[in-house]
């Protein structure tokens, strides 16, 4: 057949029918449709906050994409129109302490490394609230598209938790050191439009167009070389892969926060809908330090037998 006729026949050939496969989970929805893997946190009653089981299921679902080389990309999102994810479920995190902290922290790191390690781009499709650990989830993804009703922020300082599993590492690289410190220390929130302007996300679209615009990205990626996407993702990750030691350090810091009085106060206050009372911890620390300094004046840091009386 002449080359020209062959090209015409190829153009005229029908596209393969869209195929769909699913896996059954409790906390998430998972479907592969038309070469795109969709992972949806399905806990809208708690603003798609995640618990240990949610993290385990997301890791399992995303790792399963390796079993199908025809998958061109993955999309992570939250069920409903109210929230992408509000982060960790406080009912789960209130149970954490220094002894069991690795049970949570390792799961967070595991999900982050699964997303970064996939040979395909991962898109965060953000609708509504994207806060705390939910925002860290979006940070781990390669691309972020959000609807106009999206709000992104780090709430750790307000609730007694450290955003050290991605936020402290990535946000300064994306929006600069000064603005990153404001976002984390002051719990500053950004609307989706503001987030695009400062470089926190890629694109903001009307809520009704969010899925359609996400699918456009997916179609673009489907038309690109799978091998090139795999290799360039690995190369793009190279420098920030060196942050792994920072993540390990951050998780150990976070382990000391879980179960602390301040963490419990922050989470209990949030669940009760009242302002947290962190000031009492500052005042208690001041009383303790004042006592220590008075002890220096009285030579209480000497053995009793040689202590001078003042």
C-alpha atoms as a PDB file:
ATOM      1  CA  UNK A   1       0.000   0.000   0.000  1.00  0.00           C
ATOM      2  CA  UNK A   2       1.372   3.470  -0.823  1.00  0.00           C
ATOM      3  CA  UNK A   3       2.582   5.469   2.163  1.00  0.00           C
ATOM      4  CA  UNK A   4      -0.085   8.126   1.642  1.00  0.00           C
ATOM      5  CA  UNK A   5      -2.883   5.560   1.596  1.00  0.00           C
ATOM      6  CA  UNK A   6      -1.410   3.887   4.660  1.00  0.00           C
ATOM      7  CA  UNK A   7      -1.485   7.170   6.606  1.00  0.00           C
ATOM      8  CA  UNK A   8      -5.057   7.816   5.518  1.00  0.00           C
ATOM      9  CA  UNK A   9      -6.075   4.350   6.624  1.00  0.00           C
ATOM     10  CA  UNK A  10      -4.408   4.897   9.984  1.00  0.00           C
ATOM     11  CA  UNK A  11      -6.295   8.156  10.450  1.00  0.00           C
ATOM     12  CA  UNK A  12      -9.544   6.455   9.495  1.00  0.00           C
ATOM     13  CA  UNK A  13      -9.012   3.484  11.785  1.00  0.00           C
ATOM     14  CA  UNK A  14     -11.350   3.538  14.774  1.00  0.00           C
ATOM     15  CA  UNK A  15      -9.826   4.288  18.140  1.00  0.00           C
ATOM     16  CA  UNK A  16      -9.785   1.378  20.572  1.00  0.00           C
ATOM     17  CA  UNK A  17     -12.790   1.322  22.854  1.00  0.00           C
ATOM     18  CA  UNK A  18     -12.202   2.802  26.290  1.00  0.00           C
ATOM     19  CA  UNK A  19     -11.604   0.074  28.818  1.00  0.00           C
ATOM     20  CA  UNK A  20     -12.243   0.291  32.525  1.00  0.00           C
ATOM     21  CA  UNK A  21     -10.905  -1.743  35.409  1.00  0.00           C
ATOM     22  CA  UNK A  22     -11.571  -1.236  39.097  1.00  0.00           C
ATOM     23  CA  UNK A  23     -10.349  -2.458  42.471  1.00  0.00           C
ATOM     24  CA  UNK A  24     -12.482  -2.553  45.573  1.00  0.00           C
ATOM     25  CA  UNK A  25     -11.348  -0.573  48.593  1.00  0.00           C
ATOM     26  CA  UNK A  26     -13.035   0.787  51.693  1.00  0.00           C
ATOM     27  CA  UNK A  27     -11.693   4.357  51.920  1.00  0.00           C
ATOM     28  CA  UNK A  28     -10.894   5.108  48.294  1.00  0.00           C
ATOM     29  CA  UNK A  29     -12.278   4.585  44.811  1.00  0.00           C
ATOM     30  CA  UNK A  30      -9.954   3.229  42.148  1.00  0.00           C
ATOM     31  CA  UNK A  31     -10.554   2.948  38.454  1.00  0.00           C
ATOM     32  CA  UNK A  32      -8.447   2.745  35.333  1.00  0.00           C
ATOM     33  CA  UNK A  33     -10.389   4.253  32.442  1.00  0.00           C
ATOM     34  CA  UNK A  34      -9.056   4.968  29.001  1.00  0.00           C
ATOM     35  CA  UNK A  35      -5.413   4.643  30.114  1.00  0.00           C
ATOM     36  CA  UNK A  36      -5.830   6.952  33.133  1.00  0.00           C
ATOM     37  CA  UNK A  37      -5.725   5.663  36.734  1.00  0.00           C
ATOM     38  CA  UNK A  38      -8.128   7.554  39.013  1.00  0.00           C
ATOM     39  CA  UNK A  39      -7.537   7.418  42.774  1.00  0.00           C
ATOM     40  CA  UNK A  40     -10.286   9.158  44.756  1.00  0.00           C
ATOM     41  CA  UNK A  41     -10.306   9.575  48.526  1.00  0.00           C
ATOM     42  CA  UNK A  42     -13.890   8.609  49.327  1.00  0.00           C
ATOM     43  CA  UNK A  43     -14.455  10.037  52.794  1.00  0.00           C
ATOM     44  CA  UNK A  44     -16.480  13.195  52.050  1.00  0.00           C
ATOM     45  CA  UNK A  45     -18.156  13.078  55.467  1.00  0.00           C
ATOM     46  CA  UNK A  46     -14.813  14.070  57.023  1.00  0.00           C
ATOM     47  CA  UNK A  47     -13.714  16.319  54.130  1.00  0.00           C
ATOM     48  CA  UNK A  48     -11.724  13.400  52.679  1.00  0.00           C
ATOM     49  CA  UNK A  49      -9.365  13.408  55.636  1.00  0.00           C
ATOM     50  CA  UNK A  50      -7.238  10.286  55.609  1.00  0.00           C
ATOM     51  CA  UNK A  51      -6.469   7.689  58.250  1.00  0.00           C
ATOM     52  CA  UNK A  52      -3.991   4.797  58.254  1.00  0.00           C
ATOM     53  CA  UNK A  53      -6.221   2.559  56.123  1.00  0.00           C
ATOM     54  CA  UNK A  54      -6.689   5.338  53.560  1.00  0.00           C
ATOM     55  CA  UNK A  55      -2.942   5.756  53.155  1.00  0.00           C
ATOM     56  CA  UNK A  56      -2.451   1.988  52.827  1.00  0.00           C
ATOM     57  CA  UNK A  57      -5.124   1.768  50.139  1.00  0.00           C
ATOM     58  CA  UNK A  58      -3.729   4.687  48.155  1.00  0.00           C
ATOM     59  CA  UNK A  59      -0.270   3.137  48.200  1.00  0.00           C
ATOM     60  CA  UNK A  60      -1.668  -0.209  47.029  1.00  0.00           C
ATOM     61  CA  UNK A  61      -3.784   1.349  44.282  1.00  0.00           C
ATOM     62  CA  UNK A  62      -1.027   3.546  42.890  1.00  0.00           C
ATOM     63  CA  UNK A  63       1.546   0.749  42.984  1.00  0.00           C
ATOM     64  CA  UNK A  64      -0.853  -1.435  41.009  1.00  0.00           C
ATOM     65  CA  UNK A  65      -0.484   0.920  38.032  1.00  0.00           C
ATOM     66  CA  UNK A  66       2.893  -0.696  37.418  1.00  0.00           C
ATOM     67  CA  UNK A  67       1.015  -3.834  36.357  1.00  0.00           C
ATOM     68  CA  UNK A  68      -0.448  -2.029  33.327  1.00  0.00           C
ATOM     69  CA  UNK A  69       2.129  -0.342  31.060  1.00  0.00           C
ATOM     70  CA  UNK A  70      -0.677   1.141  28.953  1.00  0.00           C
ATOM     71  CA  UNK A  71      -1.519   3.586  31.772  1.00  0.00           C
ATOM     72  CA  UNK A  72      -0.315   7.030  30.714  1.00  0.00           C
ATOM     73  CA  UNK A  73      -0.882   8.954  33.959  1.00  0.00           C
ATOM     74  CA  UNK A  74      -2.651   8.884  37.316  1.00  0.00           C
ATOM     75  CA  UNK A  75      -5.055  11.390  38.863  1.00  0.00           C
ATOM     76  CA  UNK A  76      -5.475  11.812  42.633  1.00  0.00           C
ATOM     77  CA  UNK A  77      -8.578  13.609  43.855  1.00  0.00           C
ATOM     78  CA  UNK A  78     -11.241  13.725  46.564  1.00  0.00           C
ATOM     79  CA  UNK A  79     -14.898  12.724  46.401  1.00  0.00           C
ATOM     80  CA  UNK A  80     -17.511  15.476  46.206  1.00  0.00           C
ATOM     81  CA  UNK A  81     -17.191  19.201  45.628  1.00  0.00           C
ATOM     82  CA  UNK A  82     -16.179  20.341  49.124  1.00  0.00           C
ATOM     83  CA  UNK A  83     -12.671  19.000  49.657  1.00  0.00           C
ATOM     84  CA  UNK A  84      -9.692  17.458  47.937  1.00  0.00           C
ATOM     85  CA  UNK A  85      -8.480  16.490  51.399  1.00  0.00           C
ATOM     86  CA  UNK A  86      -8.442  18.222  54.765  1.00  0.00           C
ATOM     87  CA  UNK A  87      -5.333  16.206  55.674  1.00  0.00           C
ATOM     88  CA  UNK A  88      -4.972  13.669  58.443  1.00  0.00           C
ATOM     89  CA  UNK A  89      -8.118  12.641  60.293  1.00  0.00           C
ATOM     90  CA  UNK A  90      -7.750  14.029  63.816  1.00  0.00           C
ATOM     91  CA  UNK A  91      -9.595  11.022  65.251  1.00  0.00           C
ATOM     92  CA  UNK A  92      -6.696   8.950  63.924  1.00  0.00           C
ATOM     93  CA  UNK A  93      -3.917  11.400  64.777  1.00  0.00           C
ATOM     94  CA  UNK A  94      -5.094  11.914  68.369  1.00  0.00           C
ATOM     95  CA  UNK A  95      -4.134   8.278  68.978  1.00  0.00           C
ATOM     96  CA  UNK A  96      -0.519   8.893  67.978  1.00  0.00           C
ATOM     97  CA  UNK A  97       2.434   9.287  70.323  1.00  0.00           C
ATOM     98  CA  UNK A  98       6.207   8.881  70.200  1.00  0.00           C
ATOM     99  CA  UNK A  99       5.906   5.097  70.569  1.00  0.00           C
ATOM    100  CA  UNK A 100       3.595   4.495  67.624  1.00  0.00           C
ATOM    101  CA  UNK A 101       4.487   7.557  65.496  1.00  0.00           C
ATOM    102  CA  UNK A 102       6.315   5.493  62.872  1.00  0.00           C
ATOM    103  CA  UNK A 103       3.057   3.681  62.102  1.00  0.00           C
ATOM    104  CA  UNK A 104       1.687   6.954  60.713  1.00  0.00           C
ATOM    105  CA  UNK A 105       4.842   8.698  59.532  1.00  0.00           C
ATOM    106  CA  UNK A 106       6.094   5.712  57.523  1.00  0.00           C
ATOM    107  CA  UNK A 107       2.766   5.520  55.720  1.00  0.00           C
ATOM    108  CA  UNK A 108       2.955   9.200  54.780  1.00  0.00           C
ATOM    109  CA  UNK A 109       6.505   8.765  53.493  1.00  0.00           C
ATOM    110  CA  UNK A 110       5.454   5.547  51.743  1.00  0.00           C
ATOM    111  CA  UNK A 111       2.681   7.297  49.824  1.00  0.00           C
ATOM    112  CA  UNK A 112       4.963  10.197  48.914  1.00  0.00           C
ATOM    113  CA  UNK A 113       7.655   7.862  47.608  1.00  0.00           C
ATOM    114  CA  UNK A 114       5.090   5.779  45.716  1.00  0.00           C
ATOM    115  CA  UNK A 115       3.840   8.884  43.879  1.00  0.00           C
ATOM    116  CA  UNK A 116       7.341  10.135  43.164  1.00  0.00           C
ATOM    117  CA  UNK A 117       8.511   6.686  42.106  1.00  0.00           C
ATOM    118  CA  UNK A 118       5.761   5.946  39.586  1.00  0.00           C
ATOM    119  CA  UNK A 119       7.036   5.963  35.995  1.00  0.00           C
ATOM    120  CA  UNK A 120       4.038   8.079  34.915  1.00  0.00           C
ATOM    121  CA  UNK A 121       3.051  11.652  35.822  1.00  0.00           C
ATOM    122  CA  UNK A 122       0.639  11.992  38.737  1.00  0.00           C
ATOM    123  CA  UNK A 123      -1.899  14.836  38.634  1.00  0.00           C
ATOM    124  CA  UNK A 124      -3.591  16.277  41.726  1.00  0.00           C
ATOM    125  CA  UNK A 125      -7.117  17.386  40.786  1.00  0.00           C
ATOM    126  CA  UNK A 126      -8.030  19.754  43.617  1.00  0.00           C
ATOM    127  CA  UNK A 127     -11.589  20.711  44.449  1.00  0.00           C
ATOM    128  CA  UNK A 128     -12.389  22.688  47.613  1.00  0.00           C
ATOM    129  CA  UNK A 129     -10.296  22.394  50.772  1.00  0.00           C
ATOM    130  CA  UNK A 130      -6.692  21.253  50.328  1.00  0.00           C
ATOM    131  CA  UNK A 131      -5.196  21.664  53.778  1.00  0.00           C
ATOM    132  CA  UNK A 132      -2.401  20.336  55.956  1.00  0.00           C
ATOM    133  CA  UNK A 133      -1.466  16.796  54.993  1.00  0.00           C
ATOM    134  CA  UNK A 134      -3.927  17.062  52.113  1.00  0.00           C
ATOM    135  CA  UNK A 135      -1.823  19.889  50.719  1.00  0.00           C
ATOM    136  CA  UNK A 136       1.312  17.808  51.223  1.00  0.00           C
ATOM    137  CA  UNK A 137      -0.388  15.096  49.153  1.00  0.00           C
ATOM    138  CA  UNK A 138      -0.834  17.627  46.342  1.00  0.00           C
ATOM    139  CA  UNK A 139       2.813  18.699  46.730  1.00  0.00           C
ATOM    140  CA  UNK A 140       3.981  15.131  46.109  1.00  0.00           C
ATOM    141  CA  UNK A 141       2.178  15.040  42.762  1.00  0.00           C
ATOM    142  CA  UNK A 142       3.841  16.149  39.514  1.00  0.00           C
ATOM    143  CA  UNK A 143       1.098  18.533  38.386  1.00  0.00           C
ATOM    144  CA  UNK A 144      -1.700  20.319  40.235  1.00  0.00           C
ATOM    145  CA  UNK A 145      -4.903  21.645  38.694  1.00  0.00           C
ATOM    146  CA  UNK A 146      -7.531  23.237  40.929  1.00  0.00           C
ATOM    147  CA  UNK A 147     -11.041  24.588  40.686  1.00  0.00           C
ATOM    148  CA  UNK A 148     -11.819  28.199  41.557  1.00  0.00           C
ATOM    149  CA  UNK A 149     -13.359  27.107  44.872  1.00  0.00           C
ATOM    150  CA  UNK A 150     -10.114  25.489  46.032  1.00  0.00           C
ATOM    151  CA  UNK A 151      -8.260  26.766  49.095  1.00  0.00           C
ATOM    152  CA  UNK A 152      -4.740  25.564  49.841  1.00  0.00           C
ATOM    153  CA  UNK A 153      -2.931  25.924  53.142  1.00  0.00           C
ATOM    154  CA  UNK A 154      -0.815  24.540  55.938  1.00  0.00           C
ATOM    155  CA  UNK A 155      -2.615  24.360  59.283  1.00  0.00           C
ATOM    156  CA  UNK A 156       0.000  22.649  61.438  1.00  0.00           C
ATOM    157  CA  UNK A 157       0.852  25.703  63.542  1.00  0.00           C
ATOM    158  CA  UNK A 158      -2.835  26.147  64.421  1.00  0.00           C
ATOM    159  CA  UNK A 159      -3.480  22.543  65.439  1.00  0.00           C
ATOM    160  CA  UNK A 160      -0.173  21.389  66.909  1.00  0.00           C
ATOM    161  CA  UNK A 161       1.323  19.355  64.065  1.00  0.00           C
ATOM    162  CA  UNK A 162       4.509  19.770  62.007  1.00  0.00           C
ATOM    163  CA  UNK A 163       4.213  19.776  58.188  1.00  0.00           C
ATOM    164  CA  UNK A 164       7.605  18.115  57.807  1.00  0.00           C
ATOM    165  CA  UNK A 165       6.692  15.355  55.325  1.00  0.00           C
ATOM    166  CA  UNK A 166       6.871  17.515  52.219  1.00  0.00           C
ATOM    167  CA  UNK A 167       5.674  21.007  53.055  1.00  0.00           C
ATOM    168  CA  UNK A 168       8.837  22.308  54.709  1.00  0.00           C
ATOM    169  CA  UNK A 169      10.919  20.772  51.916  1.00  0.00           C
ATOM    170  CA  UNK A 170       8.918  21.664  48.798  1.00  0.00           C
ATOM    171  CA  UNK A 171       7.069  24.893  49.495  1.00  0.00           C
ATOM    172  CA  UNK A 172      10.237  27.072  49.719  1.00  0.00           C
ATOM    173  CA  UNK A 173      11.322  25.680  46.343  1.00  0.00           C
ATOM    174  CA  UNK A 174       7.980  26.501  44.766  1.00  0.00           C
ATOM    175  CA  UNK A 175       7.099  29.918  46.170  1.00  0.00           C
ATOM    176  CA  UNK A 176      10.296  31.138  47.827  1.00  0.00           C
ATOM    177  CA  UNK A 177      11.605  31.045  51.370  1.00  0.00           C
ATOM    178  CA  UNK A 178       9.843  34.142  52.739  1.00  0.00           C
ATOM    179  CA  UNK A 179       6.382  33.284  51.480  1.00  0.00           C
ATOM    180  CA  UNK A 180       6.843  29.657  52.518  1.00  0.00           C
ATOM    181  CA  UNK A 181       7.591  30.696  56.088  1.00  0.00           C
ATOM    182  CA  UNK A 182       4.516  32.919  56.099  1.00  0.00           C
ATOM    183  CA  UNK A 183       2.390  30.069  54.781  1.00  0.00           C
ATOM    184  CA  UNK A 184       3.657  27.651  57.433  1.00  0.00           C
ATOM    185  CA  UNK A 185       4.230  29.885  60.484  1.00  0.00           C
ATOM    186  CA  UNK A 186       1.113  32.038  59.986  1.00  0.00           C
ATOM    187  CA  UNK A 187      -1.054  29.277  58.484  1.00  0.00           C
ATOM    188  CA  UNK A 188      -1.689  31.514  55.481  1.00  0.00           C
ATOM    189  CA  UNK A 189      -4.190  30.170  52.985  1.00  0.00           C
ATOM    190  CA  UNK A 190      -4.206  30.707  49.239  1.00  0.00           C
ATOM    191  CA  UNK A 191      -7.164  30.629  46.902  1.00  0.00           C
ATOM    192  CA  UNK A 192      -6.580  28.682  43.714  1.00  0.00           C
ATOM    193  CA  UNK A 193      -6.130  31.897  41.741  1.00  0.00           C
ATOM    194  CA  UNK A 194      -3.537  33.158  44.239  1.00  0.00           C
ATOM    195  CA  UNK A 195      -1.833  29.765  44.224  1.00  0.00           C
ATOM    196  CA  UNK A 196      -1.312  29.976  40.466  1.00  0.00           C
ATOM    197  CA  UNK A 197       0.111  33.486  40.778  1.00  0.00           C
ATOM    198  CA  UNK A 198       2.731  32.477  43.351  1.00  0.00           C
ATOM    199  CA  UNK A 199       3.622  29.197  41.629  1.00  0.00           C
ATOM    200  CA  UNK A 200       2.081  26.831  44.173  1.00  0.00           C
ATOM    201  CA  UNK A 201      -0.083  25.086  41.545  1.00  0.00           C
ATOM    202  CA  UNK A 202      -0.148  24.894  37.751  1.00  0.00           C
ATOM    203  CA  UNK A 203      -3.653  25.912  36.773  1.00  0.00           C
ATOM    204  CA  UNK A 204      -6.985  27.222  38.091  1.00  0.00           C
ATOM    205  CA  UNK A 205     -10.236  26.581  36.207  1.00  0.00           C
ATOM    206  CA  UNK A 206     -13.962  27.040  36.858  1.00  0.00           C
ATOM    207  CA  UNK A 207     -15.329  24.269  39.066  1.00  0.00           C
ATOM    208  CA  UNK A 208     -17.610  22.945  36.338  1.00  0.00           C
ATOM    209  CA  UNK A 209     -14.618  22.539  34.014  1.00  0.00           C
ATOM    210  CA  UNK A 210     -12.227  20.846  36.444  1.00  0.00           C
ATOM    211  CA  UNK A 211     -12.585  17.275  35.222  1.00  0.00           C
ATOM    212  CA  UNK A 212     -12.747  18.316  31.558  1.00  0.00           C
ATOM    213  CA  UNK A 213      -9.532  20.319  31.843  1.00  0.00           C
ATOM    214  CA  UNK A 214      -7.844  17.488  33.744  1.00  0.00           C
ATOM    215  CA  UNK A 215      -8.797  15.092  30.965  1.00  0.00           C
ATOM    216  CA  UNK A 216      -7.161  17.453  28.467  1.00  0.00           C
ATOM    217  CA  UNK A 217      -3.901  17.097  30.351  1.00  0.00           C
ATOM    218  CA  UNK A 218      -4.363  13.323  30.353  1.00  0.00           C
ATOM    219  CA  UNK A 219      -4.940  13.306  26.590  1.00  0.00           C
ATOM    220  CA  UNK A 220      -1.797  15.367  26.092  1.00  0.00           C
ATOM    221  CA  UNK A 221       0.246  12.919  28.162  1.00  0.00           C
ATOM    222  CA  UNK A 222      -1.223   9.953  26.284  1.00  0.00           C
ATOM    223  CA  UNK A 223       0.185  11.455  23.086  1.00  0.00           C
ATOM    224  CA  UNK A 224       3.703  11.662  24.499  1.00  0.00           C
ATOM    225  CA  UNK A 225       6.442   9.066  24.702  1.00  0.00           C
ATOM    226  CA  UNK A 226       6.011   6.830  27.757  1.00  0.00           C
ATOM    227  CA  UNK A 227       9.745   6.160  27.871  1.00  0.00           C
ATOM    228  CA  UNK A 228      10.557   9.866  27.727  1.00  0.00           C
ATOM    229  CA  UNK A 229       8.040  10.685  30.474  1.00  0.00           C
ATOM    230  CA  UNK A 230       9.520   7.981  32.676  1.00  0.00           C
ATOM    231  CA  UNK A 231      13.098   9.122  32.180  1.00  0.00           C
ATOM    232  CA  UNK A 232      12.408  12.838  32.497  1.00  0.00           C
ATOM    233  CA  UNK A 233      10.383  12.325  35.680  1.00  0.00           C
ATOM    234  CA  UNK A 234      13.321  10.454  37.156  1.00  0.00           C
ATOM    235  CA  UNK A 235      15.648  13.271  36.114  1.00  0.00           C
ATOM    236  CA  UNK A 236      13.334  15.990  37.428  1.00  0.00           C
ATOM    237  CA  UNK A 237      13.228  14.182  40.778  1.00  0.00           C
ATOM    238  CA  UNK A 238      16.998  13.921  41.043  1.00  0.00           C
ATOM    239  CA  UNK A 239      17.748  17.054  43.041  1.00  0.00           C
ATOM    240  CA  UNK A 240      14.747  16.820  45.355  1.00  0.00           C
ATOM    241  CA  UNK A 241      15.465  13.114  45.923  1.00  0.00           C
ATOM    242  CA  UNK A 242      18.361  14.433  47.974  1.00  0.00           C
ATOM    243  CA  UNK A 243      15.754  15.777  50.381  1.00  0.00           C
ATOM    244  CA  UNK A 244      15.096  12.218  51.598  1.00  0.00           C
ATOM    245  CA  UNK A 245      17.375  12.801  54.587  1.00  0.00           C
ATOM    246  CA  UNK A 246      15.352  15.925  55.409  1.00  0.00           C
ATOM    247  CA  UNK A 247      12.178  13.860  55.338  1.00  0.00           C
ATOM    248  CA  UNK A 248      13.696  11.360  57.760  1.00  0.00           C
ATOM    249  CA  UNK A 249      14.737  14.194  60.049  1.00  0.00           C
ATOM    250  CA  UNK A 250      11.306  15.799  59.743  1.00  0.00           C
ATOM    251  CA  UNK A 251       9.498  12.584  60.622  1.00  0.00           C
ATOM    252  CA  UNK A 252      11.559  12.192  63.784  1.00  0.00           C
ATOM    253  CA  UNK A 253      10.691  15.768  64.767  1.00  0.00           C
ATOM    254  CA  UNK A 254       7.038  15.011  64.056  1.00  0.00           C
ATOM    255  CA  UNK A 255       7.225  11.859  66.178  1.00  0.00           C
ATOM    256  CA  UNK A 256       8.012  14.057  69.194  1.00  0.00           C
ATOM    257  CA  UNK A 257       4.989  16.244  68.469  1.00  0.00           C
ATOM    258  CA  UNK A 258       2.442  13.410  68.237  1.00  0.00           C
ATOM    259  CA  UNK A 259       0.820  12.845  71.605  1.00  0.00           C
ATOM    260  CA  UNK A 260       2.199  16.041  73.137  1.00  0.00           C
ATOM    261  CA  UNK A 261      -0.059  18.243  75.227  1.00  0.00           C
ATOM    262  CA  UNK A 262       0.046  20.958  72.598  1.00  0.00           C
ATOM    263  CA  UNK A 263      -0.914  18.559  69.812  1.00  0.00           C
ATOM    264  CA  UNK A 264      -3.824  17.246  71.858  1.00  0.00           C
ATOM    265  CA  UNK A 265      -4.973  20.772  72.672  1.00  0.00           C
ATOM    266  CA  UNK A 266      -4.821  21.824  69.029  1.00  0.00           C
ATOM    267  CA  UNK A 267      -6.768  18.846  67.738  1.00  0.00           C
ATOM    268  CA  UNK A 268      -9.335  18.854  70.552  1.00  0.00           C
ATOM    269  CA  UNK A 269      -9.931  22.562  70.022  1.00  0.00           C
ATOM    270  CA  UNK A 270     -10.419  22.066  66.298  1.00  0.00           C
ATOM    271  CA  UNK A 271     -12.892  19.233  66.807  1.00  0.00           C
ATOM    272  CA  UNK A 272     -14.751  21.265  69.449  1.00  0.00           C
ATOM    273  CA  UNK A 273     -14.871  24.334  67.218  1.00  0.00           C
ATOM    274  CA  UNK A 274     -13.075  26.585  69.709  1.00  0.00           C
ATOM    275  CA  UNK A 275      -9.797  28.532  69.586  1.00  0.00           C
ATOM    276  CA  UNK A 276      -6.867  26.538  70.988  1.00  0.00           C
ATOM    277  CA  UNK A 277      -5.232  27.749  74.201  1.00  0.00           C
ATOM    278  CA  UNK A 278      -1.543  27.454  73.410  1.00  0.00           C
ATOM    279  CA  UNK A 279      -0.670  30.443  75.590  1.00  0.00           C
ATOM    280  CA  UNK A 280      -0.840  28.359  78.766  1.00  0.00           C
ATOM    281  CA  UNK A 281       2.030  26.224  77.521  1.00  0.00           C
ATOM    282  CA  UNK A 282       4.165  29.302  76.936  1.00  0.00           C
ATOM    283  CA  UNK A 283       3.363  30.621  80.423  1.00  0.00           C
ATOM    284  CA  UNK A 284       4.090  27.263  82.020  1.00  0.00           C
ATOM    285  CA  UNK A 285       7.424  27.105  80.186  1.00  0.00           C
ATOM    286  CA  UNK A 286       8.218  30.617  81.429  1.00  0.00           C
ATOM    287  CA  UNK A 287       7.516  29.596  85.047  1.00  0.00           C
ATOM    288  CA  UNK A 288       9.775  26.576  84.653  1.00  0.00           C
ATOM    289  CA  UNK A 289      12.579  28.619  83.111  1.00  0.00           C
ATOM    290  CA  UNK A 290      12.255  31.299  85.786  1.00  0.00           C
ATOM    291  CA  UNK A 291      12.661  28.584  88.418  1.00  0.00           C
ATOM    292  CA  UNK A 292      15.749  27.299  86.659  1.00  0.00           C
ATOM    293  CA  UNK A 293      17.315  30.777  86.537  1.00  0.00           C
ATOM    294  CA  UNK A 294      16.565  31.383  90.224  1.00  0.00           C
ATOM    295  CA  UNK A 295      18.300  28.106  90.921  1.00  0.00           C
ATOM    296  CA  UNK A 296      21.436  29.412  89.217  1.00  0.00           C
ATOM    297  CA  UNK A 297      21.394  32.465  91.468  1.00  0.00           C
ATOM    298  CA  UNK A 298      21.154  30.196  94.515  1.00  0.00           C
ATOM    299  CA  UNK A 299      23.920  27.886  93.259  1.00  0.00           C
ATOM    300  CA  UNK A 300      21.525  24.936  93.068  1.00  0.00           C
ATOM    301  CA  UNK A 301      23.725  23.532  90.294  1.00  0.00           C
ATOM    302  CA  UNK A 302      26.405  22.669  92.867  1.00  0.00           C
ATOM    303  CA  UNK A 303      26.513  19.550  95.041  1.00  0.00           C
ATOM    304  CA  UNK A 304      24.590  20.226  98.280  1.00  0.00           C
ATOM    305  CA  UNK A 305      27.723  19.737 100.377  1.00  0.00           C
ATOM    306  CA  UNK A 306      29.563  22.609  98.685  1.00  0.00           C
ATOM    307  CA  UNK A 307      26.587  24.789  97.804  1.00  0.00           C
ATOM    308  CA  UNK A 308      26.945  28.366  98.967  1.00  0.00           C
ATOM    309  CA  UNK A 309      24.048  29.907 100.713  1.00  0.00           C
ATOM    310  CA  UNK A 310      22.811  33.142  99.124  1.00  0.00           C
END
